[in-house]
Amino acid sequence: MDSKAVQHDLADSGQVEKDVLAFLKAQTKRSWDPQVDLFASGGLSSLFAMQIVVHLEQTYRISIRGADLRLDNFRTVASMVALVQRLQGAQ
């Protein structure tokens, strides 16, 4: 796990959003709006999406599998926040 990763048992949406935006900025060297379509804007490739999956799983102690791996869950920062919160609630 990345030494900078912060472990969250039950993260609030604002903290998840800040974390995902910081991760995206660190990886892409640009700022992102939480509502922008990351795939349509050229911000995400399928390979980078898998890096985000790993980051979310490790940071928030969740498991993203099966139907949760669909593109719509990673299209925007807001959709990733919703996914993290839903999966944390299911644990």
N, C-alpha and C. Protein backbone atom coordinates (compact mmCIF):
# COMPACT_ATOMS: atom_id res chain seq x y z
N MET A 1 0.83 -1.17 0.00
CA MET A 1 0.00 0.00 0.00
C MET A 1 0.88 1.24 0.00
N ASP A 2 0.44 2.25 -0.69
CA ASP A 2 1.15 3.51 -0.76
C ASP A 2 1.24 4.10 0.64
N SER A 3 2.42 4.57 1.02
CA SER A 3 2.60 5.10 2.36
C SER A 3 1.80 6.37 2.59
N LYS A 4 1.39 7.03 1.52
CA LYS A 4 0.60 8.25 1.65
C LYS A 4 -0.89 7.96 1.74
N ALA A 5 -1.28 6.72 1.48
CA ALA A 5 -2.69 6.37 1.52
C ALA A 5 -3.19 6.49 2.95
N VAL A 6 -4.38 7.04 3.08
CA VAL A 6 -5.00 7.19 4.39
C VAL A 6 -6.09 6.14 4.50
N GLN A 7 -6.05 5.37 5.57
CA GLN A 7 -7.07 4.35 5.77
C GLN A 7 -8.33 5.01 6.32
N HIS A 8 -9.46 4.63 5.77
CA HIS A 8 -10.75 5.15 6.21
C HIS A 8 -11.68 3.99 6.47
N ASP A 9 -12.24 3.92 7.68
CA ASP A 9 -13.21 2.87 7.95
C ASP A 9 -14.55 3.24 7.31
N LEU A 10 -15.08 4.38 7.65
CA LEU A 10 -16.30 4.87 7.03
C LEU A 10 -16.06 6.32 6.66
N ALA A 11 -15.75 6.56 5.42
CA ALA A 11 -15.38 7.89 4.97
C ALA A 11 -16.60 8.70 4.57
N ASP A 12 -16.57 10.00 4.88
CA ASP A 12 -17.65 10.86 4.42
C ASP A 12 -17.40 11.25 2.97
N SER A 13 -18.45 11.65 2.30
CA SER A 13 -18.35 11.92 0.86
C SER A 13 -17.36 13.03 0.54
N GLY A 14 -17.29 14.04 1.39
CA GLY A 14 -16.35 15.14 1.13
C GLY A 14 -14.90 14.68 1.18
N GLN A 15 -14.58 13.80 2.13
CA GLN A 15 -13.22 13.30 2.24
C GLN A 15 -12.87 12.39 1.07
N VAL A 16 -13.81 11.54 0.68
CA VAL A 16 -13.57 10.65 -0.46
C VAL A 16 -13.34 11.48 -1.71
N GLU A 17 -14.17 12.50 -1.91
CA GLU A 17 -14.02 13.36 -3.09
C GLU A 17 -12.64 14.03 -3.10
N LYS A 18 -12.23 14.58 -1.97
CA LYS A 18 -10.91 15.23 -1.89
C LYS A 18 -9.80 14.23 -2.21
N ASP A 19 -9.91 13.03 -1.67
CA ASP A 19 -8.90 12.00 -1.90
C ASP A 19 -8.82 11.61 -3.37
N VAL A 20 -9.97 11.37 -3.98
CA VAL A 20 -9.98 10.95 -5.39
C VAL A 20 -9.45 12.07 -6.27
N LEU A 21 -9.86 13.30 -5.99
CA LEU A 21 -9.36 14.44 -6.77
C LEU A 21 -7.85 14.58 -6.62
N ALA A 22 -7.34 14.40 -5.40
CA ALA A 22 -5.89 14.49 -5.17
C ALA A 22 -5.16 13.36 -5.90
N PHE A 23 -5.71 12.15 -5.88
CA PHE A 23 -5.11 11.02 -6.58
C PHE A 23 -5.07 11.29 -8.08
N LEU A 24 -6.19 11.77 -8.63
CA LEU A 24 -6.24 12.07 -10.07
C LEU A 24 -5.23 13.15 -10.43
N LYS A 25 -5.16 14.20 -9.61
CA LYS A 25 -4.23 15.30 -9.90
C LYS A 25 -2.79 14.81 -9.84
N ALA A 26 -2.46 13.99 -8.85
CA ALA A 26 -1.10 13.47 -8.72
C ALA A 26 -0.72 12.60 -9.92
N GLN A 27 -1.68 11.85 -10.43
CA GLN A 27 -1.39 10.93 -11.53
C GLN A 27 -1.42 11.60 -12.90
N THR A 28 -2.30 12.60 -13.07
CA THR A 28 -2.48 13.21 -14.39
C THR A 28 -1.88 14.61 -14.51
N LYS A 29 -1.48 15.17 -13.37
CA LYS A 29 -0.88 16.52 -13.34
C LYS A 29 -1.86 17.60 -13.80
N ARG A 30 -3.16 17.37 -13.56
CA ARG A 30 -4.16 18.40 -13.84
C ARG A 30 -5.30 18.30 -12.85
N SER A 31 -6.04 19.38 -12.71
CA SER A 31 -7.18 19.42 -11.79
C SER A 31 -8.43 18.93 -12.50
N TRP A 32 -9.35 18.37 -11.71
CA TRP A 32 -10.58 17.80 -12.26
C TRP A 32 -11.79 18.30 -11.50
N ASP A 33 -12.88 18.47 -12.21
CA ASP A 33 -14.17 18.79 -11.61
C ASP A 33 -14.83 17.47 -11.22
N PRO A 34 -15.47 17.38 -10.06
CA PRO A 34 -16.09 16.12 -9.63
C PRO A 34 -17.18 15.60 -10.57
N GLN A 35 -17.75 16.47 -11.40
CA GLN A 35 -18.84 16.05 -12.28
C GLN A 35 -18.40 15.78 -13.72
N VAL A 36 -17.16 16.05 -14.07
CA VAL A 36 -16.71 15.88 -15.45
C VAL A 36 -16.60 14.39 -15.78
N ASP A 37 -16.98 14.04 -17.00
CA ASP A 37 -16.86 12.66 -17.48
C ASP A 37 -15.39 12.41 -17.80
N LEU A 38 -14.74 11.64 -16.97
CA LEU A 38 -13.29 11.43 -17.09
C LEU A 38 -12.92 10.67 -18.35
N PHE A 39 -13.78 9.79 -18.81
CA PHE A 39 -13.49 9.03 -20.03
C PHE A 39 -13.69 9.89 -21.26
N ALA A 40 -14.80 10.63 -21.31
CA ALA A 40 -15.09 11.48 -22.47
C ALA A 40 -14.07 12.61 -22.61
N SER A 41 -13.54 13.07 -21.48
CA SER A 41 -12.57 14.17 -21.52
C SER A 41 -11.15 13.69 -21.81
N GLY A 42 -10.96 12.39 -21.91
CA GLY A 42 -9.63 11.86 -22.16
C GLY A 42 -8.79 11.70 -20.91
N GLY A 43 -9.41 11.88 -19.75
CA GLY A 43 -8.67 11.78 -18.49
C GLY A 43 -8.39 10.37 -18.04
N LEU A 44 -9.21 9.43 -18.48
CA LEU A 44 -9.05 8.05 -18.04
C LEU A 44 -8.94 7.10 -19.21
N SER A 45 -8.08 6.14 -19.06
CA SER A 45 -8.02 4.99 -19.96
C SER A 45 -8.45 3.79 -19.13
N SER A 46 -8.68 2.67 -19.76
CA SER A 46 -9.07 1.48 -19.00
C SER A 46 -7.95 1.05 -18.04
N LEU A 47 -6.71 1.22 -18.44
CA LEU A 47 -5.59 0.88 -17.57
C LEU A 47 -5.55 1.79 -16.34
N PHE A 48 -5.73 3.09 -16.56
CA PHE A 48 -5.73 4.02 -15.44
C PHE A 48 -6.93 3.77 -14.54
N ALA A 49 -8.05 3.38 -15.11
CA ALA A 49 -9.23 3.05 -14.31
C ALA A 49 -8.91 1.92 -13.33
N MET A 50 -8.12 0.95 -13.76
CA MET A 50 -7.75 -0.14 -12.87
C MET A 50 -6.84 0.35 -11.74
N GLN A 51 -6.02 1.34 -12.01
CA GLN A 51 -5.20 1.94 -10.95
C GLN A 51 -6.10 2.61 -9.92
N ILE A 52 -7.15 3.24 -10.39
CA ILE A 52 -8.11 3.87 -9.48
C ILE A 52 -8.81 2.81 -8.65
N VAL A 53 -9.19 1.70 -9.27
CA VAL A 53 -9.83 0.60 -8.53
C VAL A 53 -8.93 0.16 -7.38
N VAL A 54 -7.67 -0.08 -7.67
CA VAL A 54 -6.72 -0.52 -6.64
C VAL A 54 -6.59 0.54 -5.55
N HIS A 55 -6.49 1.79 -5.95
CA HIS A 55 -6.38 2.89 -4.98
C HIS A 55 -7.60 2.91 -4.06
N LEU A 56 -8.78 2.84 -4.62
CA LEU A 56 -10.00 2.88 -3.80
C LEU A 56 -10.09 1.66 -2.88
N GLU A 57 -9.76 0.49 -3.40
CA GLU A 57 -9.82 -0.72 -2.58
C GLU A 57 -8.86 -0.64 -1.39
N GLN A 58 -7.65 -0.19 -1.64
CA GLN A 58 -6.65 -0.13 -0.57
C GLN A 58 -6.94 0.99 0.42
N THR A 59 -7.34 2.13 -0.08
CA THR A 59 -7.56 3.28 0.78
C THR A 59 -8.80 3.12 1.65
N TYR A 60 -9.86 2.57 1.08
CA TYR A 60 -11.14 2.50 1.79
C TYR A 60 -11.52 1.10 2.24
N ARG A 61 -10.59 0.16 2.09
CA ARG A 61 -10.81 -1.23 2.54
C ARG A 61 -12.12 -1.80 2.00
N ILE A 62 -12.28 -1.66 0.70
CA ILE A 62 -13.46 -2.20 0.03
C ILE A 62 -13.00 -3.18 -1.05
N SER A 63 -13.93 -3.96 -1.54
CA SER A 63 -13.65 -4.88 -2.64
C SER A 63 -14.57 -4.53 -3.79
N ILE A 64 -13.99 -4.17 -4.92
CA ILE A 64 -14.77 -3.79 -6.10
C ILE A 64 -14.71 -4.95 -7.07
N ARG A 65 -15.82 -5.64 -7.24
CA ARG A 65 -15.87 -6.85 -8.06
C ARG A 65 -17.11 -6.87 -8.94
N GLY A 66 -17.07 -7.74 -9.92
CA GLY A 66 -18.25 -8.03 -10.75
C GLY A 66 -18.93 -6.81 -11.31
N ALA A 67 -20.21 -6.70 -11.03
CA ALA A 67 -21.03 -5.62 -11.58
C ALA A 67 -20.55 -4.23 -11.15
N ASP A 68 -19.85 -4.16 -10.02
CA ASP A 68 -19.35 -2.86 -9.56
C ASP A 68 -18.20 -2.33 -10.41
N LEU A 69 -17.63 -3.17 -11.25
CA LEU A 69 -16.54 -2.74 -12.13
C LEU A 69 -17.03 -2.07 -13.41
N ARG A 70 -18.30 -1.79 -13.50
CA ARG A 70 -18.81 -1.18 -14.73
C ARG A 70 -18.37 0.28 -14.85
N LEU A 71 -18.23 0.71 -16.08
CA LEU A 71 -17.70 2.03 -16.41
C LEU A 71 -18.42 3.17 -15.69
N ASP A 72 -19.73 3.09 -15.57
CA ASP A 72 -20.48 4.19 -14.96
C ASP A 72 -20.05 4.48 -13.52
N ASN A 73 -19.51 3.49 -12.82
CA ASN A 73 -19.05 3.72 -11.45
C ASN A 73 -17.74 4.51 -11.38
N PHE A 74 -17.08 4.70 -12.52
CA PHE A 74 -15.80 5.39 -12.55
C PHE A 74 -15.79 6.56 -13.53
N ARG A 75 -16.95 6.88 -14.09
CA ARG A 75 -17.06 7.93 -15.10
C ARG A 75 -16.74 9.31 -14.53
N THR A 76 -17.17 9.57 -13.30
CA THR A 76 -16.92 10.86 -12.65
C THR A 76 -16.40 10.63 -11.24
N VAL A 77 -15.81 11.66 -10.67
CA VAL A 77 -15.38 11.57 -9.27
C VAL A 77 -16.61 11.34 -8.39
N ALA A 78 -17.70 12.02 -8.70
CA ALA A 78 -18.92 11.86 -7.91
C ALA A 78 -19.42 10.42 -7.93
N SER A 79 -19.33 9.75 -9.08
CA SER A 79 -19.77 8.35 -9.14
C SER A 79 -18.84 7.44 -8.35
N MET A 80 -17.56 7.76 -8.29
CA MET A 80 -16.62 6.97 -7.48
C MET A 80 -16.91 7.16 -6.00
N VAL A 81 -17.24 8.38 -5.60
CA VAL A 81 -17.60 8.65 -4.21
C VAL A 81 -18.83 7.83 -3.82
N ALA A 82 -19.83 7.83 -4.69
CA ALA A 82 -21.05 7.06 -4.41
C ALA A 82 -20.75 5.56 -4.31
N LEU A 83 -19.87 5.06 -5.16
CA LEU A 83 -19.49 3.65 -5.12
C LEU A 83 -18.82 3.31 -3.79
N VAL A 84 -17.86 4.12 -3.37
CA VAL A 84 -17.16 3.87 -2.10
C VAL A 84 -18.15 3.85 -0.95
N GLN A 85 -19.02 4.83 -0.90
CA GLN A 85 -19.98 4.89 0.20
C GLN A 85 -20.93 3.69 0.18
N ARG A 86 -21.38 3.30 -0.99
CA ARG A 86 -22.29 2.15 -1.09
C ARG A 86 -21.59 0.88 -0.63
N LEU A 87 -20.36 0.67 -1.09
CA LEU A 87 -19.64 -0.55 -0.72
C LEU A 87 -19.25 -0.56 0.75
N GLN A 88 -18.93 0.58 1.31
CA GLN A 88 -18.63 0.62 2.75
C GLN A 88 -19.88 0.31 3.56
N GLY A 89 -21.02 0.77 3.08
CA GLY A 89 -22.27 0.49 3.78
C GLY A 89 -22.68 -0.97 3.71
N ALA A 90 -22.21 -1.67 2.68
CA ALA A 90 -22.56 -3.08 2.49
C ALA A 90 -21.70 -4.00 3.34
N GLN A 91 -20.63 -3.47 3.92
CA GLN A 91 -19.72 -4.33 4.70
C GLN A 91 -20.28 -4.63 6.06
